[in-house]
Protein backbone atom coordinates (compact mmCIF):
# COMPACT_ATOMS: atom_id res chain seq x y z
CA MET A 1 -37.83 -8.22 12.57
CA LEU A 2 -34.78 -6.26 11.39
CA ARG A 3 -32.44 -8.94 12.73
CA ARG A 4 -34.50 -11.64 11.05
CA ASN A 5 -34.40 -9.79 7.72
CA SER A 6 -30.66 -9.27 8.05
CA LEU A 7 -30.18 -12.97 8.74
CA LEU A 8 -32.28 -13.88 5.69
CA VAL A 9 -30.23 -11.53 3.50
CA TYR A 10 -26.99 -13.02 4.82
CA LEU A 11 -28.19 -16.60 4.28
CA THR A 12 -29.38 -15.74 0.77
CA LEU A 13 -26.01 -14.23 -0.13
CA LEU A 14 -24.23 -17.21 1.41
CA ILE A 15 -26.28 -19.68 -0.62
CA GLN A 16 -25.68 -17.63 -3.80
CA GLU A 17 -21.95 -17.66 -3.14
CA LEU A 18 -21.89 -21.41 -2.55
CA VAL A 19 -23.82 -21.97 -5.78
CA GLN A 20 -21.45 -19.67 -7.69
CA GLN A 21 -18.43 -21.49 -6.28
CA SER A 22 -19.97 -24.82 -7.20
CA ILE A 23 -20.68 -23.64 -10.74
CA ALA A 24 -17.18 -22.23 -11.12
CA SER A 25 -15.83 -25.67 -10.12
CA PHE A 26 -12.35 -24.12 -10.00
CA ASN A 27 -10.98 -25.84 -13.05
CA LYS A 28 -7.44 -27.04 -12.25
CA PRO A 29 -6.91 -24.56 -9.37
CA ASN A 30 -3.27 -23.67 -8.91
CA LEU A 31 -3.51 -20.67 -6.61
CA PHE A 32 -6.07 -19.34 -4.13
CA VAL A 33 -5.48 -15.82 -2.79
CA PHE A 34 -7.10 -15.09 0.58
CA ASP A 35 -7.60 -11.45 1.61
CA ASP A 36 -9.68 -9.21 3.88
CA THR A 37 -9.84 -6.09 1.68
CA PHE A 38 -9.86 -7.11 -2.00
CA PRO A 39 -11.71 -6.28 -4.26
CA CYS A 40 -12.05 -2.79 -2.69
CA LEU A 41 -10.78 -0.22 -5.21
CA MET A 42 -9.65 2.05 -2.34
CA SER A 43 -6.68 -0.29 -1.91
CA PRO A 44 -5.06 0.08 -5.36
CA PHE A 45 -1.80 -1.69 -4.55
CA ARG A 46 -3.71 -4.79 -3.44
CA VAL A 47 -5.97 -4.72 -6.49
CA ASN A 48 -2.94 -4.32 -8.75
CA GLU A 49 -1.07 -7.19 -7.12
CA ILE A 50 -3.93 -9.67 -7.05
CA ASN A 51 -4.91 -8.75 -10.61
CA GLY A 52 -1.34 -9.60 -11.56
CA TYR A 53 -1.79 -13.13 -10.23
CA LEU A 54 -5.19 -13.51 -11.87
CA SER A 55 -3.66 -12.46 -15.20
CA ASN A 56 -0.40 -14.39 -15.08
CA ILE A 57 -0.96 -17.59 -13.10
CA SER A 58 -3.49 -19.96 -14.63
CA GLY A 59 -6.06 -21.41 -12.26
CA THR A 60 -5.95 -18.47 -9.83
CA TYR A 61 -9.02 -17.53 -7.75
CA THR A 62 -9.44 -15.04 -4.91
CA PHE A 63 -11.49 -15.29 -1.72
CA SER A 64 -12.31 -12.22 0.32
CA SER A 65 -13.59 -11.81 3.88
CA ASN A 66 -14.33 -8.12 3.26
CA SER A 67 -17.57 -7.22 5.04
CA GLY A 68 -18.59 -5.03 2.10
CA PHE A 69 -17.72 -7.71 -0.45
CA VAL A 70 -20.94 -7.53 -2.52
CA GLU A 71 -20.73 -3.78 -3.16
CA HIS A 72 -16.96 -3.81 -3.66
CA LYS A 73 -17.25 -6.70 -6.11
CA ARG A 74 -19.89 -4.81 -8.07
CA GLU A 75 -17.62 -1.75 -8.42
CA TYR A 76 -14.56 -3.88 -9.15
CA ILE A 77 -16.26 -5.84 -11.95
CA LYS A 78 -17.24 -2.60 -13.69
CA LYS A 79 -13.55 -1.79 -13.99
CA TYR A 80 -12.19 -5.34 -14.43
CA PRO A 81 -15.03 -7.42 -16.00
CA LYS A 82 -12.66 -10.16 -17.20
CA PHE A 83 -12.13 -11.34 -13.61
CA LYS A 84 -15.83 -11.63 -12.79
CA ASN A 85 -15.71 -15.40 -12.34
CA LYS A 86 -12.44 -15.37 -10.42
CA ILE A 87 -13.42 -13.61 -7.19
CA PHE A 88 -15.57 -14.99 -4.38
CA ARG A 89 -16.58 -14.33 -0.82
CA PHE A 90 -14.44 -16.28 1.64
CA ILE A 91 -16.41 -19.17 3.15
CA THR A 92 -14.76 -21.49 5.66
CA LEU A 93 -16.77 -24.40 4.24
CA PHE A 94 -15.01 -24.35 0.88
CA LYS A 95 -13.90 -27.81 -0.21
CA PHE A 96 -11.76 -27.05 -3.22
CA ARG A 97 -8.03 -27.58 -2.79
CA PRO A 98 -5.50 -25.67 -4.92
CA LYS A 99 -1.80 -26.40 -5.17
CA LEU A 100 -0.97 -23.26 -3.16
CA ILE A 101 -2.70 -20.64 -1.00
CA TYR A 102 -1.24 -17.12 -0.87
CA VAL A 103 -1.99 -14.35 1.64
CA ILE A 104 -0.88 -10.71 1.89
CA PHE A 105 0.10 -9.26 5.32
CA LEU A 106 0.86 -10.94 8.63
CA HIS A 107 -2.55 -10.42 10.25
CA ASN A 108 -4.35 -11.99 7.30
CA THR A 109 -2.05 -14.99 7.20
CA TYR A 110 -2.47 -15.62 10.91
CA ARG A 111 -6.23 -15.22 10.65
CA PHE A 112 -6.57 -17.66 7.74
CA LEU A 113 -4.00 -20.14 9.07
CA SER A 114 -6.48 -22.51 10.73
CA THR A 115 -8.47 -22.81 7.48
CA ILE A 116 -5.26 -23.39 5.52
CA GLU A 117 -4.05 -26.12 7.88
CA LYS A 118 -7.44 -27.84 8.01
CA SER A 119 -7.36 -28.07 4.23
CA LYS A 120 -3.76 -29.40 4.40
CA THR A 121 -2.76 -26.98 1.63
CA PRO A 122 0.76 -25.58 1.14
CA PHE A 123 0.87 -21.78 1.51
CA ALA A 124 3.06 -18.72 1.07
CA PHE A 125 2.56 -15.16 2.25
CA GLU A 126 3.81 -11.63 1.73
CA LEU A 127 5.24 -9.76 4.71
CA TYR A 128 4.63 -6.07 4.08
CA PRO A 129 5.22 -3.50 6.86
CA GLY A 130 1.93 -2.98 8.68
CA GLY A 131 -0.75 -5.61 9.06
CA GLU A 132 0.33 -6.20 12.71
CA PHE A 133 3.96 -6.90 11.71
CA LYS A 134 6.22 -5.08 14.17
CA LEU A 135 9.90 -5.17 15.00
CA ASN A 136 10.89 -6.63 18.38
CA ASP A 137 7.30 -7.13 19.42
CA GLN A 138 6.37 -10.24 21.38
CA GLU A 139 2.89 -10.69 19.88
CA SER A 140 4.07 -10.06 16.32
CA ASP A 141 6.91 -12.55 16.79
CA ARG A 142 4.51 -15.12 18.24
CA LYS A 143 2.27 -14.89 15.18
CA LEU A 144 5.26 -15.04 12.85
CA MET A 145 6.68 -18.13 14.56
CA THR A 146 3.28 -19.86 14.48
CA ILE A 147 3.01 -19.23 10.73
CA LEU A 148 6.62 -19.99 9.86
CA SER A 149 6.66 -23.23 11.86
CA SER A 150 3.61 -24.65 10.07
CA LYS A 151 4.44 -27.78 8.10
CA TYR A 152 2.46 -26.32 5.19
CA PHE A 153 4.55 -23.10 5.01
CA LYS A 154 6.53 -22.92 1.73
CA GLY A 155 7.79 -19.36 1.40
CA VAL A 156 7.55 -15.69 2.35
CA ILE A 157 7.99 -12.63 0.13
CA THR A 158 9.59 -9.70 1.96
CA THR A 159 9.38 -6.16 0.59
CA GLN A 160 11.93 -4.24 2.66
CA ASP A 161 15.55 -5.07 3.43
CA ILE A 162 14.91 -4.42 7.13
CA THR A 163 12.24 -7.17 7.11
CA THR A 164 14.54 -9.73 5.50
CA LYS A 165 17.30 -8.98 8.02
CA TYR A 166 14.83 -9.20 10.89
CA LEU A 167 13.73 -12.70 9.89
CA LEU A 168 17.31 -13.86 9.43
CA ASN A 169 18.87 -12.18 12.48
CA ASN A 170 16.16 -13.57 14.74
CA LYS A 171 16.38 -17.01 13.12
CA LEU A 172 12.67 -16.94 12.37
CA CYS A 173 12.94 -18.34 8.85
CA PRO A 174 15.59 -20.12 6.78
CA ARG A 175 17.07 -18.01 3.98
CA LYS A 176 15.98 -20.47 1.29
CA LYS A 177 12.32 -19.75 2.07
CA ILE A 178 12.71 -15.95 1.97
CA HIS A 179 12.15 -14.18 -1.36
CA TYR A 180 13.03 -10.48 -1.35
CA VAL A 181 11.20 -8.17 -3.76
CA TYR A 182 11.75 -4.55 -2.75
CA GLY A 183 8.83 -2.12 -2.75
CA GLY A 184 5.17 -2.73 -3.37
CA SER A 185 2.69 -3.50 -6.11
CA VAL A 186 1.45 0.01 -6.89
CA PRO A 187 -0.42 0.41 -10.22
CA THR A 188 2.63 1.88 -11.96
CA ASP A 189 1.45 1.30 -15.53
CA GLU A 190 -1.88 2.90 -14.74
CA TYR A 191 -0.23 6.03 -13.37
CA ILE A 192 2.26 6.34 -16.23
CA MET A 193 -0.49 5.90 -18.82
CA ASN A 194 -2.93 8.36 -17.22
CA SER A 195 -0.73 11.01 -15.61
CA LYS A 196 -1.22 14.56 -16.89
CA CYS A 197 1.32 17.13 -18.10
CA LYS A 198 3.19 18.72 -15.21
CA VAL A 199 1.94 22.15 -14.15
CA LYS A 200 5.00 24.08 -12.91
CA TYR A 201 5.37 26.89 -10.41
CA MET A 202 6.29 30.24 -12.00
CA VAL A 203 5.75 28.71 -15.45
CA ASN A 204 2.04 27.94 -15.77
CA LYS A 205 0.77 28.44 -12.22
CA LYS A 206 1.25 31.08 -9.52
CA THR A 207 1.17 28.85 -6.45
CA PHE A 208 3.66 26.43 -4.94
CA ASP A 209 1.67 23.37 -3.90
CA ILE A 210 2.59 20.87 -1.20
CA CYS A 211 0.45 17.81 -0.48
CA PHE A 212 0.06 15.29 2.31
CA VAL A 213 -1.57 11.95 1.45
CA ALA A 214 -2.17 9.28 4.09
CA HIS A 215 -4.74 7.39 6.13
CA LYS A 216 -5.44 8.66 9.63
CA ASN A 217 -4.73 5.97 12.22
CA MET A 218 -4.27 8.28 15.22
CA PRO A 219 -6.12 11.42 16.39
CA LEU A 220 -3.48 13.75 14.93
CA GLY A 221 -2.05 11.28 12.42
CA GLU A 222 1.23 11.34 14.36
CA ASP A 223 2.50 8.09 12.84
CA LYS A 224 2.14 9.54 9.34
CA GLY A 225 3.47 12.93 10.49
CA PHE A 226 0.28 14.91 9.90
CA ASP A 227 0.97 17.01 13.01
CA LEU A 228 4.44 17.88 11.68
CA PHE A 229 3.00 18.62 8.24
CA VAL A 230 0.54 21.15 9.68
CA LYS A 231 3.04 22.83 12.02
CA SER A 232 5.60 23.11 9.22
CA ALA A 233 2.95 24.40 6.82
CA LEU A 234 1.85 27.07 9.29
CA LYS A 235 5.43 28.28 9.65
CA LEU A 236 5.99 28.25 5.89
CA ALA A 237 2.73 30.13 5.34
CA GLU A 238 4.06 32.96 7.51
CA ILE A 239 7.14 33.27 5.28
CA TYR A 240 5.75 32.66 1.78
CA SER A 241 2.41 34.02 0.59
CA ASP A 242 2.00 31.77 -2.48
CA LEU A 243 2.21 28.36 -0.79
CA GLN A 244 -0.88 26.15 -0.82
CA PHE A 245 -1.36 22.95 1.18
CA HIS A 246 -3.45 19.94 0.12
CA ILE A 247 -4.51 17.00 2.32
CA VAL A 248 -5.94 13.73 0.97
CA GLY A 249 -7.15 11.07 3.37
CA ASN A 250 -9.64 10.72 6.18
CA PHE A 251 -8.59 14.03 7.76
CA SER A 252 -11.30 16.67 8.23
CA GLY A 253 -9.30 19.78 9.15
CA LYS A 254 -10.86 19.76 12.62
CA GLU A 255 -7.84 17.96 14.07
CA VAL A 256 -5.83 21.19 14.30
CA TYR A 257 -6.34 24.95 14.47
CA LEU A 258 -5.29 26.61 11.21
CA GLY A 259 -6.09 30.17 12.15
CA LYS A 260 -5.97 32.97 9.61
CA VAL A 261 -4.28 30.83 6.91
CA LYS A 262 -7.07 28.24 6.88
CA ARG A 263 -8.04 29.25 3.33
CA ARG A 264 -4.65 28.03 2.11
CA PHE A 265 -5.40 24.46 3.24
CA LYS A 266 -7.69 22.20 1.22
CA PHE A 267 -9.01 18.84 2.41
CA TYR A 268 -10.18 16.30 -0.19
CA GLY A 269 -11.15 13.26 1.91
CA LEU A 270 -10.50 9.70 0.75
CA GLN A 271 -10.06 9.32 -3.01
CA LYS A 272 -9.76 6.56 -5.60
CA THR A 273 -6.82 6.18 -7.97
CA GLU A 274 -8.45 8.12 -10.82
CA PHE A 275 -8.54 11.29 -8.71
CA PHE A 276 -4.77 11.50 -8.42
CA TYR A 277 -3.87 11.70 -12.12
CA GLU A 278 -4.81 15.37 -12.34
CA PHE A 279 -4.27 16.14 -8.66
CA TYR A 280 -0.58 15.17 -8.70
CA SER A 281 0.06 17.06 -11.95
CA LYS A 282 -0.44 20.28 -9.95
CA MET A 283 1.62 19.30 -6.92
CA ASP A 284 5.25 20.36 -6.45
CA MET A 285 6.05 18.27 -3.38
CA ILE A 286 4.55 15.46 -1.33
CA LEU A 287 5.57 15.81 2.31
CA SER A 288 5.67 12.61 4.37
CA PRO A 289 7.26 13.16 7.81
CA ASN A 290 6.18 9.75 9.10
CA ARG A 291 7.72 8.29 12.26
CA PRO A 292 8.40 4.62 13.04
CA PHE A 293 7.32 3.07 16.35
CA THR A 294 4.67 5.79 16.90
CA LEU A 295 1.41 4.03 16.07
CA SER A 296 2.61 1.32 18.46
CA PRO A 297 6.02 -0.04 19.58
CA GLY A 298 7.75 -1.74 16.66
CA ALA A 299 5.30 -0.52 14.00
CA PHE A 300 6.82 1.02 10.86
CA ASP A 301 5.93 2.00 7.29
CA GLY A 302 7.48 0.85 4.05
CA PHE A 303 9.91 3.28 2.44
CA PRO A 304 8.71 5.34 0.81
CA THR A 305 5.00 5.04 1.55
CA GLY A 306 2.74 3.88 -1.29
CA CYS A 307 1.24 7.37 -1.54
CA CYS A 308 4.69 8.87 -2.07
CA VAL A 309 5.49 6.31 -4.75
CA GLU A 310 2.30 7.13 -6.64
CA ALA A 311 3.03 10.87 -6.39
CA ALA A 312 6.59 10.36 -7.65
CA LEU A 313 5.28 8.40 -10.63
CA CYS A 314 3.45 11.60 -11.59
CA GLY A 315 6.57 13.76 -11.24
CA VAL A 316 6.07 15.04 -7.68
CA ALA A 317 9.17 15.50 -5.51
CA MET A 318 9.26 13.22 -2.46
CA VAL A 319 10.11 15.02 0.80
CA VAL A 320 10.30 12.20 3.33
CA THR A 321 11.75 10.98 6.60
CA ASP A 322 13.92 7.86 6.76
CA GLU A 323 14.67 7.22 10.42
CA LEU A 324 15.42 3.53 9.84
CA GLY A 325 17.84 4.06 6.93
CA MET A 326 15.67 2.14 4.48
CA ARG A 327 16.69 4.25 1.43
CA VAL A 328 20.19 2.76 1.19
CA GLY A 329 20.96 1.36 -2.24
CA LYS A 330 17.71 2.63 -3.76
CA TYR A 331 17.70 6.44 -3.51
CA ILE A 332 20.23 9.28 -3.46
CA PRO A 333 19.31 12.22 -1.20
CA GLY A 334 19.46 15.53 -3.02
CA LYS A 335 19.42 13.80 -6.40
CA ASN A 336 16.14 11.88 -6.67
CA ILE A 337 14.64 12.32 -3.19
CA ILE A 338 14.66 14.87 -0.36
CA ILE A 339 15.32 13.40 3.08
CA ILE A 340 14.15 15.33 6.14
CA LYS A 341 14.38 14.90 9.88
CA PRO A 342 11.05 14.63 11.74
CA ASN A 343 11.30 18.17 13.09
CA ILE A 344 9.81 21.46 11.95
CA ASP A 345 13.06 23.40 11.50
CA ASP A 346 14.60 20.84 9.14
CA ILE A 347 11.37 20.45 7.16
CA VAL A 348 11.00 24.22 6.72
CA ALA A 349 14.67 24.62 5.76
CA LYS A 350 14.59 21.84 3.13
CA ILE A 351 11.33 23.02 1.58
CA SER A 352 12.55 26.63 1.52
CA LYS A 353 15.72 25.59 -0.28
CA TYR A 354 13.81 24.05 -3.18
CA TYR A 355 11.04 26.64 -3.15
CA ARG A 356 13.68 29.25 -3.92
CA ASN A 357 15.12 27.13 -6.73
CA PRO A 358 12.21 25.49 -8.60
CA ASN A 359 14.43 24.45 -11.53
CA LYS A 360 16.53 22.35 -9.18
CA LEU A 361 13.35 20.91 -7.67
CA TYR A 362 11.92 19.87 -11.04
CA LYS A 363 15.20 18.26 -12.06
CA LEU A 364 15.11 16.22 -8.84
CA SER A 365 11.45 15.38 -9.45
CA LEU A 366 12.22 14.04 -12.91
CA LEU A 367 15.09 11.88 -11.65
CA GLY A 368 12.86 10.64 -8.84
CA GLN A 369 10.13 9.76 -11.31
CA THR A 370 12.61 7.81 -13.46
CA ASN A 371 14.00 5.94 -10.45
CA ILE A 372 10.57 5.08 -9.02
CA SER A 373 9.27 3.99 -12.44
CA LYS A 374 12.09 1.44 -12.63
CA LEU A 375 11.92 0.20 -9.04
CA TYR A 376 8.14 -0.20 -9.16
CA SER A 377 7.77 -1.40 -12.73
CA THR A 378 5.60 -4.41 -13.51
CA GLU A 379 8.76 -6.37 -14.31
CA ASN A 380 10.37 -5.59 -10.93
CA GLN A 381 7.22 -6.07 -8.87
CA ILE A 382 4.35 -8.18 -10.21
CA LEU A 383 6.29 -10.44 -12.56
CA LYS A 384 8.99 -11.19 -9.98
CA LYS A 385 6.34 -12.27 -7.50
CA VAL A 386 4.52 -14.25 -10.18
CA ASN A 387 7.72 -16.16 -10.94
CA ILE A 388 8.32 -16.84 -7.25
CA LEU A 389 4.82 -18.27 -6.81
CA ARG A 390 5.10 -20.31 -10.01
CA GLU A 391 8.32 -21.84 -8.71
CA ILE A 392 6.75 -22.67 -5.34
CA ILE A 393 3.70 -24.20 -7.05
CA ALA A 394 5.96 -26.30 -9.27
CA ASN A 395 7.74 -27.72 -6.23
CA VAL A 396 4.82 -28.50 -3.89
């Protein structure tokens, strides 16, 4: 009976979605965005990016295969009601053909490729780190070559210099089809508009606060460096009595033994964007000792991670690893960012240096905030991608 009821609910929702799509009629559709997570508000960079297309490219509609689509759409519409008639559940039976289809991440593009080719629609995609994109990995390369060799492929947006070089050096894609836009589509304007006044150590608070913000993909979060964060924090806690440590993400605190300093660690769980405005105002550093090729061979993160970018927008100093040299040309160590090695001694030494000189730390934080605000501005992120897609649409 339960299965029957579930099937009836699914069929009802499917019929409702087909009716809604029919009513919408997709007046002069220029761009369809396919995704597996949107409109989930827990993925703010994706919401920000897709909203940018909905706002700036006429005739844009989104289709999501998110299993929680109904609930996510309900929450999303409360915050962005103007896009109510622009977002739909992905249904393979759709018959409307836009000028261009756009997909974010490798795994999504590969997954939706058969639908794209059946519809004979030109497409472009964005190759972020993650999403099953790996360096020197046979399966990742196979998926890339399948996508890039499609006769309907029109362009790829890369977000890291290492990605662009990988495509070119391995002759996976001609340069004319690669569009490089460094970074990611974090909600920069939202953070700048809503961030709170900075609460400073030894000025208007008595604690020095270090945070770790990431999603747990491994038992100890080794790829994001959670194990290094905890070990470094434990060592620092032995030396300095006024340090506090804050962890945001799907970490419970049960992953490691914190001993007698457990009270100096606080776990917040997963949080939406609105949580961070006040949270980051009280943080002095965000520590991100992430390691490439740890989650799996060839897997790597963007530099810096999206969480670090959002923290920096609120005036928090970034203390990060850069084992692949991805900072070159964008950041200056010791001026607007603090680069660490993925080992406890170096992490403790670098943090101690700035703990003892908070004025130097806050000067670096301010320069980091200015630099990040420029690199991740709407003009340098969303609008550049909008112009790229407009140009592709004009030429298909």
